[in-house]
N, C-alpha and C. Protein backbone atom coordinates (compact mmCIF):
# COMPACT_ATOMS: atom_id res chain seq x y z
N MET A 1 20.38 8.64 -5.29
CA MET A 1 21.25 7.92 -4.21
C MET A 1 20.40 7.93 -2.78
N MET A 2 19.95 9.15 -2.42
CA MET A 2 19.29 9.45 -1.37
C MET A 2 17.85 8.32 -1.34
N HIS A 3 17.31 8.36 -2.55
CA HIS A 3 16.34 7.38 -2.98
C HIS A 3 16.60 5.79 -2.47
N LEU A 4 17.86 5.51 -2.76
CA LEU A 4 18.20 4.03 -3.13
C LEU A 4 18.62 3.95 -1.14
N LEU A 5 19.28 4.98 -0.66
CA LEU A 5 19.20 4.71 0.75
C LEU A 5 18.07 4.50 1.42
N GLY A 6 17.21 5.37 1.28
CA GLY A 6 15.94 5.22 1.96
C GLY A 6 14.97 4.06 1.80
N ASN A 7 14.99 3.53 0.60
CA ASN A 7 14.45 2.24 0.43
C ASN A 7 15.24 1.29 0.95
N ILE A 8 16.42 1.28 1.06
CA ILE A 8 17.26 0.27 2.01
C ILE A 8 16.73 -0.03 3.17
N ILE A 9 16.97 1.62 4.00
CA ILE A 9 16.21 1.53 5.40
C ILE A 9 14.88 0.84 5.24
N TRP A 10 14.06 1.76 4.52
CA TRP A 10 12.38 1.32 4.43
C TRP A 10 12.48 -0.07 4.98
N LEU A 11 13.25 -0.95 3.95
CA LEU A 11 13.05 -2.52 4.13
C LEU A 11 13.20 -2.93 5.14
N VAL A 12 14.10 -2.43 5.85
CA VAL A 12 14.76 -2.81 7.22
C VAL A 12 13.20 -2.53 8.28
N PHE A 13 12.84 -1.16 8.24
CA PHE A 13 12.12 -0.84 9.17
C PHE A 13 10.84 -0.85 8.70
N GLY A 14 10.28 -1.99 8.14
CA GLY A 14 8.45 -1.95 8.07
C GLY A 14 8.30 -2.27 6.63
N GLY A 15 9.02 -1.71 5.57
CA GLY A 15 9.14 -2.42 4.08
C GLY A 15 8.69 -3.74 4.05
N LEU A 16 9.55 -4.76 4.37
CA LEU A 16 9.19 -6.03 4.37
C LEU A 16 8.01 -6.42 4.89
N ILE A 17 8.08 -6.17 6.04
CA ILE A 17 6.59 -6.08 6.93
C ILE A 17 5.13 -5.93 6.18
N SER A 18 5.46 -4.95 5.49
CA SER A 18 4.25 -4.50 4.78
C SER A 18 3.78 -5.35 3.33
N ALA A 19 4.77 -5.43 2.53
CA ALA A 19 5.39 -6.10 1.64
C ALA A 19 4.54 -7.54 1.87
N LEU A 20 4.75 -8.20 3.08
CA LEU A 20 4.21 -9.70 3.35
C LEU A 20 2.98 -9.36 3.54
N PHE A 21 2.23 -8.49 4.40
CA PHE A 21 0.67 -8.10 4.74
C PHE A 21 0.35 -8.05 3.29
N TRP A 22 0.76 -7.38 2.21
CA TRP A 22 0.04 -6.83 1.22
C TRP A 22 -0.48 -8.45 0.03
N SER A 23 1.15 -9.24 0.52
CA SER A 23 1.14 -10.50 -0.26
C SER A 23 0.28 -11.47 0.29
N LEU A 24 0.06 -11.43 1.91
CA LEU A 24 -0.92 -12.30 2.50
C LEU A 24 -2.33 -11.68 2.10
N ALA A 25 -2.74 -10.66 1.80
CA ALA A 25 -3.77 -10.26 1.45
C ALA A 25 -4.08 -10.62 -0.01
N GLY A 26 -3.17 -10.47 -0.89
CA GLY A 26 -3.41 -11.02 -2.50
C GLY A 26 -3.69 -12.86 -2.91
N VAL A 27 -2.91 -13.27 -1.10
CA VAL A 27 -2.90 -14.89 -1.65
C VAL A 27 -4.59 -15.30 -1.03
N LEU A 28 -5.05 -14.30 0.11
CA LEU A 28 -6.12 -14.81 0.52
C LEU A 28 -7.33 -14.55 -0.40
N CYS A 29 -6.94 -13.03 -1.96
CA CYS A 29 -8.22 -12.90 -2.50
C CYS A 29 -8.10 -13.95 -3.45
N MET A 30 -6.71 -14.36 -3.92
CA MET A 30 -6.43 -15.57 -4.98
C MET A 30 -7.31 -17.05 -4.68
N ILE A 31 -7.65 -17.01 -3.60
CA ILE A 31 -8.20 -18.51 -3.12
C ILE A 31 -9.60 -18.60 -3.83
N THR A 32 -10.33 -17.30 -4.11
CA THR A 32 -11.33 -17.33 -4.35
C THR A 32 -11.48 -16.68 -6.24
N VAL A 33 -12.24 -17.37 -6.84
CA VAL A 33 -11.94 -17.39 -8.52
C VAL A 33 -12.74 -15.45 -8.77
N VAL A 34 -13.64 -14.94 -8.08
CA VAL A 34 -14.44 -13.60 -7.84
C VAL A 34 -13.08 -13.03 -7.73
N ALA A 35 -12.51 -12.88 -6.26
CA ALA A 35 -11.63 -11.93 -6.19
C ALA A 35 -10.16 -11.61 -6.73
N ILE A 36 -9.55 -12.78 -7.86
CA ILE A 36 -8.61 -12.62 -8.49
C ILE A 36 -7.83 -11.18 -8.94
N PRO A 37 -9.24 -9.88 -9.43
CA PRO A 37 -8.44 -8.82 -9.54
C PRO A 37 -8.21 -8.12 -8.41
N LEU A 38 -8.79 -8.62 -7.08
CA LEU A 38 -8.40 -7.83 -6.01
C LEU A 38 -6.93 -8.30 -5.59
N GLY A 39 -6.86 -9.93 -5.50
CA GLY A 39 -5.52 -10.27 -5.56
C GLY A 39 -4.24 -9.76 -6.39
N LEU A 40 -4.60 -9.59 -7.42
CA LEU A 40 -3.73 -9.13 -8.66
C LEU A 40 -3.21 -7.42 -8.03
N GLN A 41 -4.36 -6.64 -7.81
CA GLN A 41 -4.11 -5.08 -7.06
C GLN A 41 -2.83 -5.42 -5.53
N CYS A 42 -3.15 -6.30 -4.96
CA CYS A 42 -2.58 -6.48 -3.53
C CYS A 42 -0.86 -6.90 -3.97
N PHE A 43 -0.88 -7.61 -4.97
CA PHE A 43 0.39 -8.19 -5.57
C PHE A 43 1.18 -6.90 -6.28
N LYS A 44 0.35 -6.21 -7.07
CA LYS A 44 1.11 -4.76 -7.68
C LYS A 44 1.76 -3.80 -6.42
N ILE A 45 0.63 -3.50 -5.35
CA ILE A 45 1.04 -2.63 -4.14
C ILE A 45 1.98 -3.27 -3.56
N ALA A 46 2.30 -4.83 -3.30
CA ALA A 46 3.15 -5.66 -2.24
C ALA A 46 4.79 -4.91 -3.08
N GLY A 47 4.61 -5.03 -4.59
CA GLY A 47 5.60 -4.31 -5.10
C GLY A 47 6.05 -3.17 -4.68
N LEU A 48 5.31 -2.24 -4.90
CA LEU A 48 5.62 -0.96 -4.47
C LEU A 48 6.19 -0.39 -3.04
N THR A 49 5.41 -1.54 -2.16
CA THR A 49 6.02 -1.37 -0.58
C THR A 49 7.15 -1.58 -0.52
N LEU A 50 7.75 -2.49 -1.79
CA LEU A 50 9.47 -2.79 -1.41
C LEU A 50 10.08 -1.71 -1.51
N THR A 51 10.10 -0.42 -2.64
CA THR A 51 10.61 0.46 -2.66
C THR A 51 9.68 1.89 -3.08
N PRO A 52 9.25 2.31 -2.19
CA PRO A 52 8.10 3.34 -2.13
C PRO A 52 8.80 4.90 -2.16
N PHE A 53 10.17 4.90 -2.07
CA PHE A 53 10.62 6.50 -2.54
C PHE A 53 10.71 6.74 -4.03
N ALA A 54 10.49 7.44 -4.26
CA ALA A 54 10.65 8.20 -5.44
C ALA A 54 9.59 7.85 -6.31
N LYS A 55 8.43 7.30 -5.62
CA LYS A 55 7.33 7.11 -6.26
C LYS A 55 6.05 8.01 -6.22
N LYS A 56 5.55 8.28 -7.09
CA LYS A 56 4.28 9.05 -6.87
C LYS A 56 3.13 8.33 -6.88
N VAL A 57 1.98 8.39 -6.21
CA VAL A 57 0.81 7.79 -6.09
C VAL A 57 -0.37 8.74 -6.31
N GLU A 58 -1.61 8.76 -7.53
CA GLU A 58 -2.44 9.46 -7.37
C GLU A 58 -3.81 9.06 -7.46
N LEU A 59 -4.36 9.53 -6.52
CA LEU A 59 -5.91 8.81 -6.19
C LEU A 59 -7.16 9.36 -6.92
N GLY A 60 -7.85 8.66 -6.73
CA GLY A 60 -9.05 9.43 -7.81
C GLY A 60 -9.48 9.02 -9.02
N HIS A 61 -8.81 8.51 -9.82
CA HIS A 61 -8.81 8.34 -11.28
C HIS A 61 -10.50 6.98 -11.20
N LEU A 62 -11.46 7.63 -10.85
CA LEU A 62 -12.13 6.13 -10.57
C LEU A 62 -13.49 6.76 -11.53
N GLY A 63 -13.93 5.41 -11.95
CA GLY A 63 -15.02 4.76 -13.13
C GLY A 63 -16.05 4.22 -12.30
N ALA A 64 -16.81 3.99 -12.98
CA ALA A 64 -18.09 2.89 -12.48
C ALA A 64 -17.32 1.23 -11.96
N VAL A 65 -16.58 0.83 -12.71
CA VAL A 65 -16.03 -0.46 -12.51
C VAL A 65 -15.09 -0.13 -11.22
N ASN A 66 -14.19 0.77 -11.28
CA ASN A 66 -13.28 1.38 -10.30
C ASN A 66 -13.92 1.35 -8.91
N LEU A 67 -15.28 2.25 -8.98
CA LEU A 67 -15.39 2.31 -7.95
C LEU A 67 -16.26 1.27 -6.98
N LEU A 68 -16.87 0.69 -7.54
CA LEU A 68 -17.28 -0.76 -7.18
C LEU A 68 -16.73 -1.67 -7.05
N ALA A 69 -15.13 -1.94 -7.83
CA ALA A 69 -14.28 -2.69 -7.28
C ALA A 69 -13.62 -1.98 -5.50
N ASN A 70 -13.45 -0.81 -5.41
CA ASN A 70 -13.10 -0.27 -4.20
C ASN A 70 -14.10 -0.24 -2.85
N ILE A 71 -15.26 -0.23 -3.72
CA ILE A 71 -15.86 -0.53 -2.31
C ILE A 71 -16.09 -1.81 -1.96
N ILE A 72 -16.05 -2.91 -2.99
CA ILE A 72 -15.77 -4.17 -2.58
C ILE A 72 -14.37 -4.36 -1.77
N TRP A 73 -13.41 -3.61 -2.42
CA TRP A 73 -12.24 -3.82 -1.49
C TRP A 73 -11.85 -3.17 -0.23
N ILE A 74 -12.82 -2.19 0.03
CA ILE A 74 -13.06 -1.79 1.64
C ILE A 74 -13.41 -2.36 2.22
N LEU A 75 -14.58 -3.24 2.21
CA LEU A 75 -15.06 -4.02 2.56
C LEU A 75 -14.75 -5.23 3.23
N LEU A 76 -13.90 -5.78 2.10
CA LEU A 76 -12.86 -7.05 2.69
C LEU A 76 -11.63 -6.80 3.02
N LEU A 77 -10.71 -6.18 2.88
CA LEU A 77 -9.61 -5.95 3.22
C LEU A 77 -9.09 -4.47 3.32
N GLY A 78 -9.47 -3.83 2.63
CA GLY A 78 -9.43 -2.05 2.56
C GLY A 78 -9.15 -1.53 3.92
N TRP A 79 -9.88 -1.47 4.61
CA TRP A 79 -9.62 -1.07 5.86
C TRP A 79 -8.72 -1.39 7.01
N GLU A 80 -8.12 -2.80 6.99
CA GLU A 80 -7.40 -3.35 7.79
C GLU A 80 -6.29 -2.78 7.12
N LEU A 81 -5.61 -2.93 5.89
CA LEU A 81 -4.28 -2.52 5.77
C LEU A 81 -3.84 -1.25 5.70
N CYS A 82 -5.80 -0.36 5.88
CA CYS A 82 -5.26 1.10 5.72
C CYS A 82 -4.89 1.14 7.25
N LEU A 83 -5.44 0.50 8.09
CA LEU A 83 -5.26 0.65 9.56
C LEU A 83 -3.76 0.39 9.94
N LEU A 84 -2.93 -0.49 9.20
CA LEU A 84 -1.62 -0.97 9.58
C LEU A 84 -0.98 -0.09 9.02
N HIS A 85 -1.00 0.69 8.02
CA HIS A 85 -0.09 1.78 7.73
C HIS A 85 -0.42 3.12 8.32
N ILE A 86 -1.58 3.14 9.03
CA ILE A 86 -1.80 4.63 9.80
C ILE A 86 -0.79 4.16 10.95
N THR A 87 -1.20 3.27 11.76
CA THR A 87 -0.41 3.00 13.06
C THR A 87 0.81 2.70 12.69
N ILE A 88 1.60 2.36 11.99
CA ILE A 88 2.94 2.03 11.32
C ILE A 88 3.46 3.27 11.27
N GLY A 89 3.14 4.26 10.67
CA GLY A 89 3.05 5.63 10.06
C GLY A 89 3.29 6.69 11.30
N ILE A 90 2.30 6.68 12.19
CA ILE A 90 2.21 7.06 13.44
C ILE A 90 3.59 6.97 14.30
N LEU A 91 3.77 5.27 14.71
CA LEU A 91 4.72 5.24 15.37
C LEU A 91 6.59 5.63 14.37
N MET A 92 5.80 5.54 13.16
CA MET A 92 7.31 6.27 12.82
C MET A 92 7.95 7.75 13.01
N SER A 93 6.63 8.56 12.82
CA SER A 93 6.71 9.68 12.83
C SER A 93 6.56 10.41 14.15
N ILE A 94 7.11 9.53 14.92
CA ILE A 94 7.52 10.01 16.46
C ILE A 94 8.51 10.42 16.55
N THR A 95 9.78 9.96 15.77
CA THR A 95 10.85 10.48 16.13
C THR A 95 11.20 11.35 14.52
N ILE A 96 12.34 12.25 14.42
CA ILE A 96 12.60 13.01 13.51
C ILE A 96 12.83 12.35 12.34
N ILE A 97 13.87 11.28 12.62
CA ILE A 97 14.72 10.57 11.98
C ILE A 97 13.29 9.46 10.83
N GLY A 98 12.23 8.93 11.63
CA GLY A 98 11.18 8.26 10.84
C GLY A 98 10.30 9.07 10.10
N ILE A 99 10.07 10.31 10.12
CA ILE A 99 9.38 10.74 9.35
C ILE A 99 9.07 10.68 8.06
N PRO A 100 10.48 10.79 7.10
CA PRO A 100 10.16 10.34 6.12
C PRO A 100 9.79 8.74 5.66
N PHE A 101 9.78 7.74 6.71
CA PHE A 101 9.32 7.01 6.36
C PHE A 101 7.53 6.71 7.11
N GLY A 102 7.44 7.56 7.90
CA GLY A 102 5.99 7.75 8.46
C GLY A 102 5.14 8.40 7.23
N LYS A 103 5.67 9.22 6.38
CA LYS A 103 5.25 9.58 4.99
C LYS A 103 4.66 8.58 4.17
N GLN A 104 5.87 7.86 3.87
CA GLN A 104 5.33 6.80 3.08
C GLN A 104 4.00 5.78 3.60
N HIS A 105 4.20 5.52 4.92
CA HIS A 105 3.08 4.97 4.84
C HIS A 105 1.63 5.24 5.23
N PHE A 106 1.65 6.53 5.20
CA PHE A 106 0.81 7.51 5.20
C PHE A 106 0.12 7.37 3.98
N LYS A 107 1.18 7.65 2.66
CA LYS A 107 1.02 7.55 0.99
C LYS A 107 0.68 5.94 0.67
N LEU A 108 0.49 5.19 1.38
CA LEU A 108 0.21 3.59 1.28
C LEU A 108 -1.30 3.64 1.75
N ALA A 109 -1.27 3.99 2.86
CA ALA A 109 -2.60 3.98 3.85
C ALA A 109 -3.91 4.60 2.80
N GLY A 110 -3.54 5.58 1.67
CA GLY A 110 -4.27 6.04 1.22
C GLY A 110 -4.77 5.11 -0.25
N LEU A 111 -3.62 4.32 -0.57
CA LEU A 111 -3.46 3.46 -1.58
C LEU A 111 -4.17 2.54 -0.87
N ALA A 112 -4.24 2.02 0.14
CA ALA A 112 -4.80 0.64 0.83
C ALA A 112 -6.45 0.82 0.90
N LEU A 113 -6.90 2.04 0.76
CA LEU A 113 -8.26 2.43 0.70
C LEU A 113 -8.97 2.56 -0.51
N LEU A 114 -8.50 2.86 -1.55
CA LEU A 114 -8.82 3.49 -2.83
C LEU A 114 -7.29 2.92 -4.01
N PRO A 115 -7.24 1.29 -4.63
CA PRO A 115 -6.14 1.24 -4.90
C PRO A 115 -6.61 0.98 -6.39
N PHE A 116 -8.28 0.81 -6.99
CA PHE A 116 -8.52 0.81 -7.90
C PHE A 116 -8.54 2.66 -8.57
N GLY A 117 -7.94 2.27 -9.61
CA GLY A 117 -8.24 3.85 -10.47
C GLY A 117 -6.79 4.54 -9.86
N ALA A 118 -6.30 3.91 -8.71
CA ALA A 118 -4.73 4.87 -8.56
C ALA A 118 -3.73 4.82 -9.67
N LYS A 119 -3.28 6.01 -9.89
CA LYS A 119 -2.08 6.14 -10.95
C LYS A 119 -0.54 5.84 -10.27
N ILE A 120 0.12 4.85 -10.25
CA ILE A 120 2.01 4.63 -9.64
C ILE A 120 2.56 5.36 -10.47
N GLY A 121 3.74 6.44 -10.42
CA GLY A 121 4.54 6.45 -11.00
C GLY A 121 5.81 6.80 -10.47
N ASN A 122 6.44 7.42 -11.39
CA ASN A 122 7.85 7.94 -10.69
C ASN A 122 7.96 9.37 -10.56
């Protein structure tokens, strides 16, 4: 029940905006044929940003292809989305009530830098 309430409040205070930015990044990547895998990853993460509570993200399961994809990702869009989540996370963490939401943004900031090879689970 708390996760449902957290996700509903999350949508109002930044979740929809985050999902919009991730979706926009996905659309930009889909314009070129080469960046379609990057765009697909953006849409997966956009779905995660809609309901991040009760979901775990494990970073660092890198192979050669995932490492190369993460490097390209960081150069193109990753650093901007990471900066967005860090900024919103800091703003949310100013108040005690906003700390859980700030923690979710910090989780998404790490995912914004290294989306390929990350595992998302419950």
